[in-house]
Amino acid sequence: MVLYPVMKHVVARAARVVYRPVVEGLENIPTDGPVILAANHLSFIDSVVMPMVVPRRVSFLAKAEYFTGTGVKGSLSRWFFSSMGHVPVHRGKGRDARAALDTAAEILARGDAFAIYPEGTRSLDGKLHRGRTGVARMALESGAPVVPVGIIGTDKVQPVGSRFPKIVPVTVRFGEPLDFSRYDGMQESLPVLRSVTDEIIYRILDLSGQEYVDAYQKTPVAA
């Protein structure tokens, strides 16, 4: 996509100058081949920060509503999310969840980097919540390594409900890649999916330093 390099090298570079994010463990991201970046989710701005600091193109799933708005606001939303490498997907259960996994699988099959928030939505209390097993199924079906990511400070850059970002310190920590090849062929086992998800979440916890809550984060009414 032509717009992505523009956003990556112009807008992201300007943002790095302003925010000067601290980035640790960037060497843990493979330079090529499929990889899943699994991060905690504190703010909308997380999906801007990660592409800003990762050398590779990073794709995300985003609510389809961001791409279907009308008028000037709808056009700007569609342009922004498309140019940042976001892929529209309907959020829900069953068929929608499977469609999201299929879209991610296509991205990984191309050898690209895909980012996901295992909690399923942003944290409303700043804590790290129980992960949903989609990230585990994605890792086992694709065979891609999972790089855990701890994001710190973005909840203060653009808190939930805030319209404009603030200039505050942000840190992004990338952990060592996790290999789940020992579970090859076991992607339909619910205990295995839960075990893999928990391992990913615990590594994110080590990196983010958040308090852990063994309960799912409820999806905001308006996210």
Protein backbone atom coordinates (compact mmCIF):
# COMPACT_ATOMS: atom_id res chain seq x y z
CA MET A 1 0.00 0.00 0.00
CA VAL A 2 1.48 3.29 -1.16
CA LEU A 3 0.30 5.34 1.81
CA TYR A 4 1.96 3.15 4.42
CA PRO A 5 5.57 4.18 3.61
CA VAL A 6 4.49 7.83 3.74
CA MET A 7 2.94 7.42 7.18
CA LYS A 8 5.86 5.29 8.31
CA HIS A 9 8.70 7.56 7.24
CA VAL A 10 7.13 11.02 7.54
CA VAL A 11 4.40 11.01 10.19
CA ALA A 12 6.04 8.34 12.36
CA ARG A 13 9.41 10.06 12.18
CA ALA A 14 7.87 13.35 13.29
CA ALA A 15 6.06 11.57 16.14
CA ARG A 16 9.34 9.98 17.28
CA VAL A 17 10.94 13.40 17.48
CA VAL A 18 8.09 14.73 19.62
CA TYR A 19 7.52 11.74 21.92
CA ARG A 20 11.01 10.18 21.90
CA PRO A 21 9.74 6.71 22.87
CA VAL A 22 12.12 4.41 24.72
CA VAL A 23 12.38 1.14 22.78
CA GLU A 24 13.92 -2.01 24.25
CA GLY A 25 14.51 -5.42 22.68
CA LEU A 26 13.93 -4.41 19.08
CA GLU A 27 16.49 -7.06 18.08
CA ASN A 28 13.99 -9.72 19.19
CA ILE A 29 11.79 -9.05 16.16
CA PRO A 30 12.77 -11.27 13.19
CA THR A 31 13.86 -9.19 10.21
CA ASP A 32 11.75 -11.27 7.84
CA GLY A 33 9.19 -14.05 7.81
CA PRO A 34 5.86 -14.22 9.66
CA VAL A 35 5.76 -12.99 13.24
CA ILE A 36 2.99 -12.22 15.72
CA LEU A 37 3.48 -9.19 17.97
CA ALA A 38 1.31 -9.72 21.06
CA ALA A 39 0.93 -6.62 23.21
CA ASN A 40 -0.99 -5.21 26.15
CA HIS A 41 -3.52 -2.57 25.19
CA LEU A 42 -3.86 0.65 27.16
CA SER A 43 -5.01 3.19 24.58
CA PHE A 44 -6.06 3.76 20.99
CA ILE A 45 -2.61 5.26 20.47
CA ASP A 46 -0.98 1.81 20.91
CA SER A 47 -1.84 1.00 17.29
CA VAL A 48 0.11 4.08 16.21
CA VAL A 49 3.08 3.59 18.52
CA MET A 50 3.91 0.04 17.43
CA PRO A 51 4.20 0.76 13.68
CA MET A 52 6.16 3.87 14.65
CA VAL A 53 8.94 1.92 16.38
CA VAL A 54 8.99 -1.41 14.48
CA PRO A 55 11.21 -1.38 11.36
CA ARG A 56 8.92 -3.82 9.53
CA ARG A 57 5.45 -3.20 8.19
CA VAL A 58 2.93 -4.17 10.87
CA SER A 59 -0.72 -5.03 10.20
CA PHE A 60 -3.56 -4.84 12.72
CA LEU A 61 -7.22 -5.76 12.69
CA ALA A 62 -9.49 -2.77 13.21
CA LYS A 63 -13.23 -2.36 13.63
CA ALA A 64 -15.00 -2.33 10.25
CA GLU A 65 -16.84 0.80 11.39
CA TYR A 66 -13.61 2.76 11.02
CA PHE A 67 -13.74 2.10 7.28
CA THR A 68 -17.43 2.59 6.56
CA GLY A 69 -18.12 6.09 7.90
CA THR A 70 -19.58 8.78 5.68
CA GLY A 71 -18.71 12.40 5.05
CA VAL A 72 -15.38 14.06 5.72
CA LYS A 73 -14.89 12.34 9.09
CA GLY A 74 -15.56 8.93 7.56
CA SER A 75 -13.14 9.58 4.71
CA LEU A 76 -10.41 10.73 7.06
CA SER A 77 -10.92 7.69 9.29
CA ARG A 78 -10.77 5.33 6.33
CA TRP A 79 -7.62 7.03 4.98
CA PHE A 80 -5.87 6.99 8.35
CA PHE A 81 -6.53 3.37 9.25
CA SER A 82 -5.77 2.11 5.74
CA SER A 83 -2.51 4.04 5.59
CA MET A 84 -1.45 2.64 9.00
CA GLY A 85 -1.80 -0.94 7.75
CA HIS A 86 -5.06 -1.71 9.56
CA VAL A 87 -7.38 -4.32 8.08
CA PRO A 88 -11.16 -3.99 8.56
CA VAL A 89 -12.93 -6.80 10.39
CA HIS A 90 -16.34 -7.17 11.99
CA ARG A 91 -16.08 -7.72 15.74
CA GLY A 92 -18.26 -10.42 17.28
CA LYS A 93 -18.44 -14.10 17.96
CA GLY A 94 -18.50 -17.26 15.91
CA ARG A 95 -18.32 -16.46 12.21
CA ASP A 96 -16.87 -12.97 12.77
CA ALA A 97 -14.14 -14.32 15.06
CA ARG A 98 -13.24 -16.98 12.51
CA ALA A 99 -13.12 -14.35 9.75
CA ALA A 100 -10.69 -12.31 11.86
CA LEU A 101 -8.42 -15.33 12.31
CA ASP A 102 -8.56 -16.07 8.58
CA THR A 103 -7.57 -12.49 7.76
CA ALA A 104 -4.63 -12.70 10.17
CA ALA A 105 -3.63 -16.05 8.65
CA GLU A 106 -3.48 -14.49 5.19
CA ILE A 107 -1.19 -11.73 6.46
CA LEU A 108 1.12 -14.21 8.18
CA ALA A 109 1.11 -16.52 5.14
CA ARG A 110 2.59 -13.62 3.14
CA GLY A 111 5.48 -13.56 5.60
CA ASP A 112 4.39 -10.29 7.20
CA ALA A 113 4.21 -9.05 10.79
CA PHE A 114 0.84 -9.05 12.49
CA ALA A 115 0.02 -7.34 15.79
CA ILE A 116 -2.70 -8.43 18.19
CA TYR A 117 -3.93 -7.50 21.64
CA PRO A 118 -4.63 -10.82 23.44
CA GLU A 119 -6.93 -9.12 25.95
CA GLY A 120 -9.34 -8.45 23.08
CA THR A 121 -9.86 -4.78 23.89
CA ARG A 122 -8.08 -1.98 25.69
CA SER A 123 -7.78 -2.06 29.47
CA LEU A 124 -10.08 0.38 31.22
CA ASP A 125 -8.30 0.13 34.57
CA GLY A 126 -4.66 -0.01 33.43
CA LYS A 127 -4.30 -3.64 34.54
CA LEU A 128 -3.45 -6.64 32.36
CA HIS A 129 -6.45 -8.90 31.97
CA ARG A 130 -6.89 -12.57 31.08
CA GLY A 131 -6.05 -13.27 27.45
CA ARG A 132 -8.46 -14.63 24.88
CA THR A 133 -7.29 -17.73 23.04
CA GLY A 134 -7.41 -16.31 19.52
CA VAL A 135 -3.71 -15.42 19.72
CA ALA A 136 -2.86 -19.02 20.61
CA ARG A 137 -4.92 -20.47 17.77
CA MET A 138 -3.29 -18.00 15.40
CA ALA A 139 0.21 -18.99 16.55
CA LEU A 140 -0.44 -22.74 16.31
CA GLU A 141 -2.19 -22.58 12.94
CA SER A 142 0.46 -20.35 11.33
CA GLY A 143 3.57 -21.68 13.07
CA ALA A 144 4.74 -18.07 13.44
CA PRO A 145 6.81 -17.09 16.49
CA VAL A 146 5.16 -14.78 19.01
CA VAL A 147 7.05 -11.73 20.24
CA PRO A 148 5.51 -10.44 23.50
CA VAL A 149 5.30 -6.65 23.76
CA GLY A 150 4.95 -4.50 26.85
CA ILE A 151 3.69 -0.96 26.22
CA ILE A 152 4.03 1.55 29.03
CA GLY A 153 2.65 5.09 29.28
CA THR A 154 0.20 5.27 26.38
CA ASP A 155 -2.74 5.37 28.78
CA LYS A 156 -1.44 8.79 29.79
CA VAL A 157 -0.76 9.92 26.19
CA GLN A 158 -4.39 9.45 25.24
CA PRO A 159 -6.50 8.20 28.15
CA VAL A 160 -9.82 6.48 27.45
CA GLY A 161 -12.30 9.23 26.51
CA SER A 162 -9.59 11.81 25.70
CA ARG A 163 -9.86 13.56 22.32
CA PHE A 164 -6.29 14.85 22.04
CA PRO A 165 -2.92 13.23 22.86
CA LYS A 166 -0.53 14.58 25.47
CA ILE A 167 3.27 14.55 25.38
CA VAL A 168 4.34 12.07 28.07
CA PRO A 169 7.07 9.38 28.20
CA VAL A 170 6.29 6.11 26.40
CA THR A 171 8.25 2.84 26.60
CA VAL A 172 7.87 -0.18 24.31
CA ARG A 173 9.59 -3.43 25.31
CA PHE A 174 9.90 -6.43 22.98
CA GLY A 175 10.59 -9.79 24.59
CA GLU A 176 12.32 -12.83 23.15
CA PRO A 177 10.29 -14.76 20.54
CA LEU A 178 8.14 -17.59 21.87
CA ASP A 179 8.16 -20.85 19.90
CA PHE A 180 5.12 -23.08 20.24
CA SER A 181 6.10 -25.75 17.71
CA ARG A 182 5.90 -28.31 20.53
CA TYR A 183 2.12 -28.04 20.16
CA ASP A 184 1.99 -28.71 16.41
CA GLY A 185 -1.35 -30.20 15.40
CA MET A 186 -2.98 -29.39 18.75
CA GLN A 187 -4.76 -26.15 17.82
CA GLU A 188 -8.16 -27.69 18.55
CA SER A 189 -7.24 -28.57 22.15
CA LEU A 190 -8.82 -26.05 24.50
CA PRO A 191 -6.36 -26.79 27.36
CA VAL A 192 -3.44 -26.24 24.97
CA LEU A 193 -4.93 -22.99 23.66
CA ARG A 194 -5.39 -21.75 27.22
CA SER A 195 -1.85 -22.78 28.22
CA VAL A 196 -0.29 -21.01 25.21
CA THR A 197 -2.38 -17.88 25.79
CA ASP A 198 -1.42 -17.75 29.46
CA GLU A 199 2.26 -18.12 28.62
CA ILE A 200 2.02 -15.18 26.23
CA ILE A 201 0.13 -13.06 28.74
CA TYR A 202 2.64 -13.79 31.52
CA ARG A 203 5.52 -12.71 29.29
CA ILE A 204 3.67 -9.49 28.45
CA LEU A 205 3.17 -9.01 32.19
CA ASP A 206 6.92 -9.32 32.78
CA LEU A 207 7.53 -6.61 30.18
CA SER A 208 4.76 -4.17 31.08
CA GLY A 209 4.95 -4.43 34.88
CA GLN A 210 1.18 -4.19 35.18
CA GLU A 211 -0.99 -5.75 37.84
CA TYR A 212 -2.66 -8.93 36.54
CA VAL A 213 -6.40 -9.63 36.75
CA ASP A 214 -7.54 -13.20 36.05
CA ALA A 215 -10.74 -12.06 34.37
CA TYR A 216 -11.59 -10.85 30.86
CA GLN A 217 -11.69 -7.13 30.21
CA LYS A 218 -15.22 -6.16 29.20
CA THR A 219 -15.51 -4.55 25.78
CA PRO A 220 -16.34 -0.83 26.10
CA VAL A 221 -19.76 0.18 24.84
CA ALA A 222 -18.11 2.66 22.50
CA ALA A 223 -14.56 1.64 21.63
